């Protein structure tokens, strides 16, 4: 169930992980339980999915290795539900599993920045079994509408990646294929299977 409450992205910053995924879209807080229901207490308990963690680490590692082929200042890779504010009016603030942020966007952040404000080069969402597709579709549409040039959805079940770009048809990469990020991630090319190991 998606709760809709009027809030700002700043309300998300100090939220503990309590088994609920939260983001702000058009000024409304969206909440989606992502943990397991405790049958005794009726509360949502946080679940740290090993597959999700492995995919986050593997994807971040592959992207970080790629960024290190460029001289400083260079793009950086952020992981761990990194905060991203795409817009203020209406507010659009998300936690992103993995993102690539250009050196220019990082340089534009202020000393008070606790989340990235602006449009990253790549947003990666890793689909867990409890994920609600309505939420993923909503976030993907928001990323693309804001001008994020590349969005990847990693499916843990079939070990595939669906790549989205504004104004283009999605492209499905299965685990037997290589994925590239051209032209937004120049020279990036790895087997899809590497993103799940």
N, C-alpha and C. Protein backbone atom coordinates (compact mmCIF):
# COMPACT_ATOMS: atom_id res chain seq x y z
N UNK A 1 0.84 -1.18 0.00
CA UNK A 1 0.00 0.00 0.00
C UNK A 1 0.88 1.24 0.00
N UNK A 2 0.52 2.24 -0.79
CA UNK A 2 1.27 3.47 -0.87
C UNK A 2 0.54 4.54 -0.10
N UNK A 3 1.17 5.01 0.98
CA UNK A 3 0.60 6.12 1.75
C UNK A 3 1.03 7.42 1.08
N UNK A 4 0.15 8.42 1.04
CA UNK A 4 0.49 9.70 0.43
C UNK A 4 0.31 10.79 1.48
N UNK A 5 1.41 11.37 1.94
CA UNK A 5 1.41 12.40 2.96
C UNK A 5 2.23 13.58 2.46
N UNK A 6 1.78 14.81 2.71
CA UNK A 6 2.51 15.99 2.28
C UNK A 6 3.73 16.20 3.17
N UNK A 7 4.93 16.14 2.57
CA UNK A 7 6.19 16.33 3.29
C UNK A 7 7.23 16.90 2.34
N UNK A 8 8.42 17.16 2.89
CA UNK A 8 9.55 17.56 2.05
C UNK A 8 10.60 16.45 2.12
N UNK A 9 11.53 16.49 1.17
CA UNK A 9 12.61 15.50 1.16
C UNK A 9 13.46 15.56 2.40
N UNK A 10 13.52 16.73 3.05
CA UNK A 10 14.32 16.84 4.28
C UNK A 10 13.78 15.93 5.37
N UNK A 11 12.48 15.61 5.32
CA UNK A 11 11.89 14.72 6.31
C UNK A 11 12.42 13.29 6.19
N UNK A 12 13.01 12.97 5.04
CA UNK A 12 13.51 11.61 4.81
C UNK A 12 14.91 11.39 5.36
N UNK A 13 15.67 12.46 5.49
CA UNK A 13 17.10 12.35 5.76
C UNK A 13 17.42 11.58 7.04
N UNK A 14 16.70 11.85 8.12
CA UNK A 14 17.01 11.21 9.40
C UNK A 14 16.14 10.00 9.71
N UNK A 15 15.41 9.51 8.72
CA UNK A 15 14.55 8.35 8.95
C UNK A 15 15.39 7.09 9.14
N UNK A 16 15.14 6.31 10.18
CA UNK A 16 15.86 5.04 10.33
C UNK A 16 15.30 4.01 9.35
N UNK A 17 16.11 2.99 9.04
CA UNK A 17 15.58 1.92 8.20
C UNK A 17 14.70 1.04 9.07
N UNK A 18 13.42 1.03 8.75
CA UNK A 18 12.45 0.30 9.57
C UNK A 18 11.61 -0.66 8.74
N UNK A 19 12.14 -1.05 7.57
CA UNK A 19 11.39 -1.97 6.73
C UNK A 19 10.42 -1.26 5.81
N UNK A 20 10.50 0.06 5.70
CA UNK A 20 9.63 0.83 4.83
C UNK A 20 10.49 1.66 3.89
N UNK A 21 10.29 1.48 2.57
CA UNK A 21 10.96 2.33 1.59
C UNK A 21 10.17 3.60 1.46
N UNK A 22 10.85 4.75 1.48
CA UNK A 22 10.18 6.04 1.39
C UNK A 22 10.82 6.89 0.31
N UNK A 23 9.99 7.67 -0.38
CA UNK A 23 10.47 8.69 -1.30
C UNK A 23 9.41 9.76 -1.41
N UNK A 24 9.79 10.92 -1.95
CA UNK A 24 8.85 12.02 -2.11
C UNK A 24 8.66 12.28 -3.59
N UNK A 25 7.42 12.24 -4.05
CA UNK A 25 7.10 12.49 -5.45
C UNK A 25 6.01 13.54 -5.50
N UNK A 26 6.31 14.63 -6.16
CA UNK A 26 5.37 15.75 -6.28
C UNK A 26 4.88 16.22 -4.92
N UNK A 27 5.82 16.26 -3.96
CA UNK A 27 5.51 16.78 -2.63
C UNK A 27 4.78 15.82 -1.72
N UNK A 28 4.55 14.58 -2.15
CA UNK A 28 3.86 13.59 -1.32
C UNK A 28 4.80 12.47 -0.93
N UNK A 29 4.78 12.10 0.35
CA UNK A 29 5.58 10.99 0.84
C UNK A 29 4.93 9.69 0.37
N UNK A 30 5.74 8.85 -0.24
CA UNK A 30 5.28 7.52 -0.66
C UNK A 30 5.96 6.52 0.25
N UNK A 31 5.21 5.61 0.82
CA UNK A 31 5.75 4.58 1.70
C UNK A 31 5.34 3.22 1.18
N UNK A 32 6.31 2.33 1.16
CA UNK A 32 6.07 0.98 0.70
C UNK A 32 6.79 0.01 1.63
N UNK A 33 6.05 -0.80 2.41
CA UNK A 33 6.73 -1.76 3.28
C UNK A 33 7.59 -2.70 2.44
N UNK A 34 8.86 -2.82 2.83
CA UNK A 34 9.78 -3.68 2.07
C UNK A 34 10.36 -4.78 2.93
N UNK A 35 9.95 -4.85 4.18
CA UNK A 35 10.46 -5.88 5.07
C UNK A 35 9.48 -7.02 5.21
N UNK A 36 9.63 -7.77 6.28
CA UNK A 36 8.77 -8.92 6.54
C UNK A 36 7.84 -8.60 7.71
N UNK A 37 6.63 -9.09 7.64
CA UNK A 37 5.66 -8.88 8.70
C UNK A 37 5.93 -9.83 9.85
N UNK A 38 6.13 -9.26 11.05
CA UNK A 38 6.31 -10.07 12.26
C UNK A 38 4.94 -10.55 12.70
N UNK A 39 4.72 -11.86 12.67
CA UNK A 39 3.39 -12.41 12.96
C UNK A 39 2.95 -12.17 14.40
N UNK A 40 3.90 -12.00 15.32
CA UNK A 40 3.55 -11.77 16.73
C UNK A 40 3.17 -10.33 17.01
N UNK A 41 3.95 -9.38 16.45
CA UNK A 41 3.72 -7.96 16.76
C UNK A 41 2.91 -7.25 15.69
N UNK A 42 2.86 -7.81 14.49
CA UNK A 42 2.16 -7.15 13.39
C UNK A 42 2.97 -6.01 12.78
N UNK A 43 4.23 -5.85 13.19
CA UNK A 43 5.08 -4.78 12.67
C UNK A 43 5.90 -5.28 11.49
N UNK A 44 6.28 -4.31 10.62
CA UNK A 44 7.18 -4.61 9.52
C UNK A 44 8.60 -4.61 10.06
N UNK A 45 9.30 -5.72 9.89
CA UNK A 45 10.67 -5.83 10.38
C UNK A 45 11.63 -5.70 9.19
N UNK A 46 12.71 -4.91 9.35
CA UNK A 46 13.66 -4.75 8.25
C UNK A 46 14.26 -6.09 7.84
N UNK A 47 14.36 -6.29 6.55
CA UNK A 47 14.99 -7.50 6.03
C UNK A 47 16.13 -7.08 5.12
N UNK A 48 17.32 -7.51 5.43
CA UNK A 48 18.48 -7.22 4.59
C UNK A 48 18.65 -8.39 3.64
N UNK A 49 18.16 -8.24 2.44
CA UNK A 49 18.19 -9.27 1.44
C UNK A 49 19.61 -9.44 0.92
N UNK A 50 20.16 -10.65 1.05
CA UNK A 50 21.54 -10.91 0.63
C UNK A 50 21.71 -10.68 -0.86
N UNK A 51 20.76 -11.16 -1.67
CA UNK A 51 20.87 -10.98 -3.12
C UNK A 51 20.89 -9.51 -3.50
N UNK A 52 20.03 -8.72 -2.84
CA UNK A 52 19.97 -7.29 -3.11
C UNK A 52 21.31 -6.64 -2.76
N UNK A 53 21.86 -7.00 -1.63
CA UNK A 53 23.13 -6.45 -1.19
C UNK A 53 24.26 -6.84 -2.15
N UNK A 54 24.28 -8.10 -2.59
CA UNK A 54 25.31 -8.55 -3.53
C UNK A 54 25.22 -7.78 -4.84
N UNK A 55 24.01 -7.59 -5.35
CA UNK A 55 23.83 -6.87 -6.62
C UNK A 55 24.23 -5.40 -6.47
N UNK A 56 23.91 -4.80 -5.33
CA UNK A 56 24.30 -3.41 -5.09
C UNK A 56 25.83 -3.29 -5.08
N UNK A 57 26.48 -4.20 -4.35
CA UNK A 57 27.93 -4.17 -4.26
C UNK A 57 28.58 -4.44 -5.61
N UNK A 58 28.10 -5.47 -6.32
CA UNK A 58 28.69 -5.84 -7.60
C UNK A 58 28.52 -4.73 -8.63
N UNK A 59 27.33 -4.16 -8.70
CA UNK A 59 27.07 -3.09 -9.67
C UNK A 59 27.91 -1.86 -9.33
N UNK A 60 27.94 -1.49 -8.05
CA UNK A 60 28.76 -0.36 -7.64
C UNK A 60 30.24 -0.59 -7.93
N UNK A 61 30.72 -1.81 -7.71
CA UNK A 61 32.13 -2.13 -7.96
C UNK A 61 32.48 -2.04 -9.43
N UNK A 62 31.61 -2.58 -10.28
CA UNK A 62 31.87 -2.52 -11.73
C UNK A 62 31.89 -1.07 -12.21
N UNK A 63 30.94 -0.27 -11.72
CA UNK A 63 30.89 1.13 -12.14
C UNK A 63 32.08 1.92 -11.58
N UNK A 64 32.46 1.62 -10.34
CA UNK A 64 33.62 2.32 -9.75
C UNK A 64 34.90 1.98 -10.50
N UNK A 65 35.06 0.72 -10.88
CA UNK A 65 36.24 0.35 -11.67
C UNK A 65 36.27 1.13 -12.97
N UNK A 66 35.11 1.29 -13.59
CA UNK A 66 35.03 2.06 -14.83
C UNK A 66 35.39 3.53 -14.60
N UNK A 67 34.87 4.15 -13.53
CA UNK A 67 35.16 5.58 -13.29
C UNK A 67 36.66 5.80 -13.06
N UNK A 68 37.33 4.82 -12.49
CA UNK A 68 38.76 4.97 -12.18
C UNK A 68 39.65 4.92 -13.42
N UNK A 69 39.06 4.67 -14.58
CA UNK A 69 39.84 4.71 -15.82
C UNK A 69 39.97 6.15 -16.34
N UNK A 70 39.30 7.10 -15.67
CA UNK A 70 39.33 8.50 -16.09
C UNK A 70 40.17 9.33 -15.12
N UNK A 71 40.76 10.42 -15.61
CA UNK A 71 41.53 11.28 -14.71
C UNK A 71 40.62 12.08 -13.78
N UNK A 72 41.20 12.58 -12.69
CA UNK A 72 40.47 13.45 -11.78
C UNK A 72 40.29 14.83 -12.42
N UNK A 73 39.21 15.54 -12.13
CA UNK A 73 38.04 15.09 -11.37
C UNK A 73 37.20 14.18 -12.26
N UNK A 74 36.60 13.17 -11.66
CA UNK A 74 35.84 12.19 -12.43
C UNK A 74 34.50 11.89 -11.74
N UNK A 75 33.64 11.20 -12.46
CA UNK A 75 32.36 10.79 -11.90
C UNK A 75 32.59 9.91 -10.69
N UNK A 76 31.61 9.89 -9.80
CA UNK A 76 31.68 9.05 -8.61
C UNK A 76 30.45 8.15 -8.56
N UNK A 77 30.59 7.03 -7.87
CA UNK A 77 29.51 6.06 -7.72
C UNK A 77 29.02 6.12 -6.28
N UNK A 78 27.74 6.31 -6.08
CA UNK A 78 27.13 6.33 -4.76
C UNK A 78 26.19 5.14 -4.63
N UNK A 79 26.21 4.49 -3.47
CA UNK A 79 25.36 3.32 -3.24
C UNK A 79 24.67 3.42 -1.89
N UNK A 80 23.88 2.41 -1.59
CA UNK A 80 23.27 2.32 -0.26
C UNK A 80 22.08 3.22 -0.08
N UNK A 81 21.19 3.26 -1.07
CA UNK A 81 20.00 4.09 -0.97
C UNK A 81 20.40 5.56 -0.85
N UNK A 82 21.37 5.96 -1.67
CA UNK A 82 21.86 7.34 -1.65
C UNK A 82 20.73 8.31 -1.95
N UNK A 83 20.72 9.44 -1.25
CA UNK A 83 19.65 10.42 -1.42
C UNK A 83 19.83 11.24 -2.69
N UNK A 84 18.73 11.49 -3.38
CA UNK A 84 18.72 12.25 -4.62
C UNK A 84 17.49 13.14 -4.66
N UNK A 85 17.71 14.45 -4.82
CA UNK A 85 16.59 15.39 -5.01
C UNK A 85 16.66 15.88 -6.45
N UNK A 86 15.64 15.52 -7.24
CA UNK A 86 15.60 15.91 -8.64
C UNK A 86 14.92 17.25 -8.85
N UNK A 87 14.00 17.61 -7.95
CA UNK A 87 13.27 18.87 -8.11
C UNK A 87 12.74 19.31 -6.76
N UNK A 88 12.49 20.62 -6.64
CA UNK A 88 11.94 21.18 -5.41
C UNK A 88 10.47 21.56 -5.54
N UNK A 89 10.02 21.94 -6.74
CA UNK A 89 8.64 22.41 -6.87
C UNK A 89 8.02 21.83 -8.13
N UNK A 90 7.31 20.73 -8.08
CA UNK A 90 7.03 19.95 -6.87
C UNK A 90 8.25 19.11 -6.49
N UNK A 91 8.36 18.83 -5.19
CA UNK A 91 9.51 18.10 -4.69
C UNK A 91 9.51 16.65 -5.16
N UNK A 92 10.72 16.23 -5.58
CA UNK A 92 10.93 14.83 -6.00
C UNK A 92 12.25 14.38 -5.40
N UNK A 93 12.17 13.61 -4.31
CA UNK A 93 13.35 13.14 -3.58
C UNK A 93 13.26 11.63 -3.42
N UNK A 94 14.36 10.94 -3.73
CA UNK A 94 14.37 9.49 -3.75
C UNK A 94 15.61 8.95 -3.05
N UNK A 95 15.55 7.70 -2.66
CA UNK A 95 16.71 6.92 -2.29
C UNK A 95 17.01 6.02 -3.47
N UNK A 96 18.22 6.05 -3.98
CA UNK A 96 18.60 5.29 -5.17
C UNK A 96 19.60 4.22 -4.75
N UNK A 97 19.41 2.98 -5.22
CA UNK A 97 20.31 1.90 -4.85
C UNK A 97 21.75 2.19 -5.26
N UNK A 98 21.94 2.58 -6.52
CA UNK A 98 23.27 2.92 -7.05
C UNK A 98 23.08 4.07 -8.02
N UNK A 99 23.98 5.05 -7.97
CA UNK A 99 23.94 6.09 -9.00
C UNK A 99 25.34 6.56 -9.35
N UNK A 100 25.48 7.01 -10.60
CA UNK A 100 26.71 7.61 -11.07
C UNK A 100 26.46 9.10 -11.17
N UNK A 101 27.32 9.87 -10.48
CA UNK A 101 27.17 11.32 -10.42
C UNK A 101 28.40 11.95 -11.08
N UNK A 102 28.18 12.85 -12.01
CA UNK A 102 29.30 13.48 -12.71
C UNK A 102 30.11 14.36 -11.77
N UNK A 103 31.36 14.60 -12.14
CA UNK A 103 32.23 15.47 -11.34
C UNK A 103 31.64 16.87 -11.25
N UNK A 104 31.01 17.33 -12.33
CA UNK A 104 30.41 18.67 -12.34
C UNK A 104 29.25 18.76 -11.36
N UNK A 105 28.41 17.73 -11.31
CA UNK A 105 27.28 17.75 -10.38
C UNK A 105 27.78 17.68 -8.94
N UNK A 106 28.79 16.86 -8.68
CA UNK A 106 29.36 16.79 -7.33
C UNK A 106 29.93 18.13 -6.91
N UNK A 107 30.62 18.81 -7.83
CA UNK A 107 31.22 20.10 -7.51
C UNK A 107 30.16 21.16 -7.21
N UNK A 108 28.96 20.98 -7.74
CA UNK A 108 27.89 21.96 -7.53
C UNK A 108 27.21 21.79 -6.17
N UNK A 109 27.50 20.70 -5.45
CA UNK A 109 26.89 20.47 -4.14
C UNK A 109 27.53 21.42 -3.13
N UNK A 110 26.75 21.85 -2.16
CA UNK A 110 27.27 22.77 -1.14
C UNK A 110 27.78 21.98 0.05
N UNK A 111 28.46 22.66 0.96
CA UNK A 111 28.96 22.02 2.17
C UNK A 111 27.85 21.48 3.04
N UNK A 112 26.65 22.04 2.91
CA UNK A 112 25.50 21.58 3.70
C UNK A 112 24.76 20.42 3.04
N UNK A 113 25.16 20.03 1.84
CA UNK A 113 24.45 18.98 1.10
C UNK A 113 24.55 17.65 1.84
N UNK A 114 23.41 17.04 2.07
CA UNK A 114 23.39 15.69 2.63
C UNK A 114 22.87 14.69 1.60
N UNK A 115 22.28 15.22 0.54
CA UNK A 115 21.84 14.38 -0.58
C UNK A 115 22.26 15.09 -1.86
N UNK A 116 22.31 14.35 -2.96
CA UNK A 116 22.65 14.93 -4.25
C UNK A 116 21.46 15.73 -4.76
N UNK A 117 21.73 16.96 -5.16
CA UNK A 117 20.68 17.80 -5.73
C UNK A 117 21.02 18.02 -7.19
N UNK A 118 20.21 17.46 -8.08
CA UNK A 118 20.45 17.57 -9.50
C UNK A 118 20.24 16.24 -10.20
N UNK A 119 20.67 16.18 -11.44
CA UNK A 119 20.41 15.01 -12.29
C UNK A 119 21.68 14.19 -12.47
N UNK A 120 21.71 12.95 -11.93
CA UNK A 120 22.87 12.08 -12.12
C UNK A 120 22.91 11.50 -13.54
N UNK A 121 24.01 10.87 -13.87
CA UNK A 121 24.17 10.24 -15.18
C UNK A 121 23.42 8.92 -15.26
N UNK A 122 23.40 8.18 -14.15
CA UNK A 122 22.77 6.85 -14.11
C UNK A 122 22.10 6.64 -12.77
N UNK A 123 20.87 6.12 -12.78
CA UNK A 123 20.19 5.64 -11.57
C UNK A 123 19.94 4.15 -11.75
N UNK A 124 20.29 3.38 -10.73
CA UNK A 124 20.08 1.93 -10.76
C UNK A 124 19.13 1.55 -9.63
N UNK A 125 18.05 0.87 -9.97
CA UNK A 125 17.12 0.33 -8.98
C UNK A 125 17.21 -1.19 -9.06
N UNK A 126 17.34 -1.82 -7.90
CA UNK A 126 17.45 -3.28 -7.83
C UNK A 126 16.14 -3.81 -7.28
N UNK A 127 15.46 -4.61 -8.07
CA UNK A 127 14.13 -5.10 -7.72
C UNK A 127 14.22 -6.25 -6.74
N UNK A 128 13.65 -6.05 -5.55
CA UNK A 128 13.58 -7.15 -4.59
C UNK A 128 12.24 -7.84 -4.73
N UNK A 129 12.11 -9.04 -4.14
CA UNK A 129 10.85 -9.77 -4.26
C UNK A 129 9.65 -8.99 -3.71
N UNK A 130 9.87 -8.13 -2.72
CA UNK A 130 8.75 -7.40 -2.12
C UNK A 130 8.43 -6.10 -2.86
N UNK A 131 9.19 -5.80 -3.91
CA UNK A 131 9.03 -4.52 -4.62
C UNK A 131 7.65 -4.43 -5.27
N UNK A 132 7.04 -3.28 -5.17
CA UNK A 132 5.75 -3.01 -5.82
C UNK A 132 6.06 -2.34 -7.15
N UNK A 133 5.64 -2.97 -8.26
CA UNK A 133 5.99 -2.46 -9.58
C UNK A 133 5.43 -1.07 -9.82
N UNK A 134 4.31 -0.74 -9.21
CA UNK A 134 3.76 0.61 -9.35
C UNK A 134 4.77 1.65 -8.86
N UNK A 135 5.43 1.34 -7.74
CA UNK A 135 6.44 2.26 -7.19
C UNK A 135 7.63 2.38 -8.13
N UNK A 136 8.10 1.25 -8.65
CA UNK A 136 9.25 1.25 -9.55
C UNK A 136 8.93 2.02 -10.82
N UNK A 137 7.77 1.79 -11.38
CA UNK A 137 7.36 2.51 -12.60
C UNK A 137 7.30 4.01 -12.33
N UNK A 138 6.76 4.38 -11.18
CA UNK A 138 6.64 5.78 -10.80
C UNK A 138 8.02 6.44 -10.67
N UNK A 139 8.95 5.74 -10.01
CA UNK A 139 10.30 6.27 -9.84
C UNK A 139 11.02 6.36 -11.19
N UNK A 140 10.91 5.32 -12.00
CA UNK A 140 11.57 5.32 -13.31
C UNK A 140 11.06 6.48 -14.15
N UNK A 141 9.74 6.67 -14.19
CA UNK A 141 9.15 7.78 -14.95
C UNK A 141 9.67 9.12 -14.44
N UNK A 142 9.79 9.26 -13.11
CA UNK A 142 10.27 10.52 -12.53
C UNK A 142 11.74 10.76 -12.91
N UNK A 143 12.57 9.72 -12.87
CA UNK A 143 13.97 9.87 -13.26
C UNK A 143 14.07 10.35 -14.71
N UNK A 144 13.34 9.66 -15.59
CA UNK A 144 13.41 9.99 -17.02
C UNK A 144 12.86 11.39 -17.29
N UNK A 145 11.75 11.75 -16.63
CA UNK A 145 11.16 13.08 -16.83
C UNK A 145 12.10 14.19 -16.38
N UNK A 146 12.94 13.91 -15.37
CA UNK A 146 13.89 14.90 -14.87
C UNK A 146 15.13 15.00 -15.76
N UNK A 147 15.26 14.08 -16.72
CA UNK A 147 16.39 14.12 -17.63
C UNK A 147 17.53 13.20 -17.29
N UNK A 148 17.32 12.25 -16.35
CA UNK A 148 18.37 11.25 -16.09
C UNK A 148 18.56 10.48 -17.40
N UNK A 149 19.77 10.51 -17.96
CA UNK A 149 19.94 9.91 -19.29
C UNK A 149 19.90 8.39 -19.33
N UNK A 150 20.15 7.73 -18.17
CA UNK A 150 20.20 6.27 -18.17
C UNK A 150 19.67 5.74 -16.84
N UNK A 151 18.70 4.83 -16.92
CA UNK A 151 18.12 4.19 -15.74
C UNK A 151 18.18 2.69 -15.97
N UNK A 152 18.72 1.96 -14.98
CA UNK A 152 18.77 0.50 -15.06
C UNK A 152 17.90 -0.09 -13.97
N UNK A 153 17.09 -1.07 -14.33
CA UNK A 153 16.35 -1.88 -13.36
C UNK A 153 16.93 -3.27 -13.38
N UNK A 154 17.53 -3.68 -12.25
CA UNK A 154 18.11 -5.01 -12.13
C UNK A 154 17.08 -5.94 -11.51
N UNK A 155 16.78 -7.02 -12.19
CA UNK A 155 15.80 -7.99 -11.71
C UNK A 155 16.55 -9.16 -11.09
N UNK A 156 16.42 -9.32 -9.77
CA UNK A 156 17.13 -10.38 -9.06
C UNK A 156 16.63 -11.77 -9.43
N UNK A 157 15.36 -11.86 -9.82
CA UNK A 157 14.77 -13.17 -10.11
C UNK A 157 15.39 -13.81 -11.34
N UNK A 158 15.41 -13.05 -12.45
CA UNK A 158 15.93 -13.66 -13.69
C UNK A 158 17.30 -13.12 -14.10
N UNK A 159 17.94 -12.35 -13.19
CA UNK A 159 19.29 -11.84 -13.43
C UNK A 159 19.37 -11.09 -14.76
N UNK A 160 18.46 -10.16 -14.94
CA UNK A 160 18.44 -9.35 -16.15
C UNK A 160 18.45 -7.87 -15.78
N UNK A 161 18.75 -7.04 -16.78
CA UNK A 161 18.73 -5.59 -16.60
C UNK A 161 17.89 -4.99 -17.72
N UNK A 162 16.97 -4.12 -17.36
CA UNK A 162 16.23 -3.35 -18.34
C UNK A 162 16.78 -1.93 -18.29
N UNK A 163 17.24 -1.43 -19.45
CA UNK A 163 17.84 -0.10 -19.54
C UNK A 163 16.85 0.85 -20.18
N UNK A 164 16.66 2.01 -19.53
CA UNK A 164 15.75 3.04 -20.01
C UNK A 164 16.54 4.32 -20.29
N UNK A 165 16.13 5.02 -21.35
CA UNK A 165 16.64 6.35 -21.67
C UNK A 165 15.46 7.20 -22.11
N UNK A 166 15.48 8.51 -21.85
CA UNK A 166 14.35 9.35 -22.25
C UNK A 166 14.06 9.25 -23.75
N UNK A 167 12.79 9.07 -24.08
CA UNK A 167 12.36 9.04 -25.47
C UNK A 167 12.72 7.80 -26.25
N UNK A 168 13.24 6.77 -25.58
CA UNK A 168 13.65 5.54 -26.28
C UNK A 168 12.91 4.34 -25.69
N UNK A 169 12.82 3.29 -26.48
CA UNK A 169 12.22 2.05 -25.99
C UNK A 169 13.19 1.38 -25.00
N UNK A 170 12.66 0.74 -23.95
CA UNK A 170 13.55 0.03 -23.02
C UNK A 170 14.28 -1.11 -23.73
N UNK A 171 15.48 -1.40 -23.25
CA UNK A 171 16.29 -2.50 -23.80
C UNK A 171 16.53 -3.51 -22.69
N UNK A 172 16.23 -4.77 -22.97
CA UNK A 172 16.43 -5.84 -22.00
C UNK A 172 17.76 -6.54 -22.27
N UNK A 173 18.59 -6.65 -21.21
CA UNK A 173 19.86 -7.38 -21.27
C UNK A 173 19.74 -8.59 -20.36
N UNK A 174 19.87 -9.81 -20.92
CA UNK A 174 19.81 -11.00 -20.07
C UNK A 174 21.19 -11.35 -19.55
N UNK A 175 21.26 -12.32 -18.67
CA UNK A 175 22.53 -12.64 -17.98
C UNK A 175 23.60 -13.20 -18.89
N UNK A 176 23.24 -13.58 -20.12
CA UNK A 176 24.22 -14.10 -21.07
C UNK A 176 24.80 -13.00 -21.95
N UNK A 177 24.31 -11.78 -21.79
CA UNK A 177 24.72 -10.65 -22.63
C UNK A 177 25.69 -9.74 -21.88
N UNK A 178 26.27 -8.81 -22.63
CA UNK A 178 27.03 -7.72 -22.03
C UNK A 178 26.16 -6.48 -22.03
N UNK A 179 26.34 -5.63 -21.01
CA UNK A 179 25.61 -4.37 -20.96
C UNK A 179 26.62 -3.25 -21.17
N UNK A 180 26.20 -2.24 -21.91
CA UNK A 180 27.02 -1.07 -22.13
C UNK A 180 26.25 0.15 -21.64
N UNK A 181 26.93 1.26 -21.55
CA UNK A 181 26.27 2.49 -21.13
C UNK A 181 26.46 3.61 -22.12
N UNK A 182 26.81 3.25 -23.35
CA UNK A 182 27.06 4.28 -24.38
C UNK A 182 25.80 5.08 -24.68
N UNK A 183 25.89 6.36 -24.92
CA UNK A 183 27.09 7.19 -24.88
C UNK A 183 27.34 7.82 -23.49
N UNK A 184 26.47 7.52 -22.53
CA UNK A 184 26.52 8.19 -21.23
C UNK A 184 27.62 7.66 -20.31
N UNK A 185 27.97 6.39 -20.50
CA UNK A 185 29.07 5.78 -19.74
C UNK A 185 30.09 5.30 -20.78
N UNK A 186 30.86 6.20 -21.36
CA UNK A 186 31.72 5.81 -22.48
C UNK A 186 32.74 4.75 -22.09
N UNK A 187 32.73 3.67 -22.88
CA UNK A 187 33.68 2.58 -22.64
C UNK A 187 33.24 1.56 -21.62
N UNK A 188 32.11 1.80 -20.96
CA UNK A 188 31.64 0.82 -19.96
C UNK A 188 31.02 -0.36 -20.68
N UNK A 189 31.52 -1.56 -20.36
CA UNK A 189 30.99 -2.80 -20.95
C UNK A 189 31.34 -3.94 -20.02
N UNK A 190 30.32 -4.62 -19.48
CA UNK A 190 30.57 -5.79 -18.61
C UNK A 190 29.49 -6.83 -18.87
N UNK A 191 29.80 -8.11 -18.58
CA UNK A 191 28.75 -9.13 -18.64
C UNK A 191 27.67 -8.82 -17.61
N UNK A 192 26.43 -8.97 -17.99
CA UNK A 192 25.31 -8.73 -17.06
C UNK A 192 25.48 -9.60 -15.83
N UNK A 193 25.94 -10.82 -15.99
CA UNK A 193 26.11 -11.74 -14.84
C UNK A 193 26.99 -11.13 -13.76
N UNK A 194 27.96 -10.28 -14.15
CA UNK A 194 28.86 -9.66 -13.17
C UNK A 194 28.11 -8.75 -12.19
N UNK A 195 26.97 -8.23 -12.59
CA UNK A 195 26.22 -7.30 -11.74
C UNK A 195 25.46 -8.03 -10.64
N UNK A 196 25.44 -9.35 -10.69
CA UNK A 196 24.69 -10.13 -9.71
C UNK A 196 25.61 -11.02 -8.87
N UNK A 197 26.92 -10.90 -9.03
CA UNK A 197 27.85 -11.79 -8.32
C UNK A 197 28.50 -11.08 -7.13
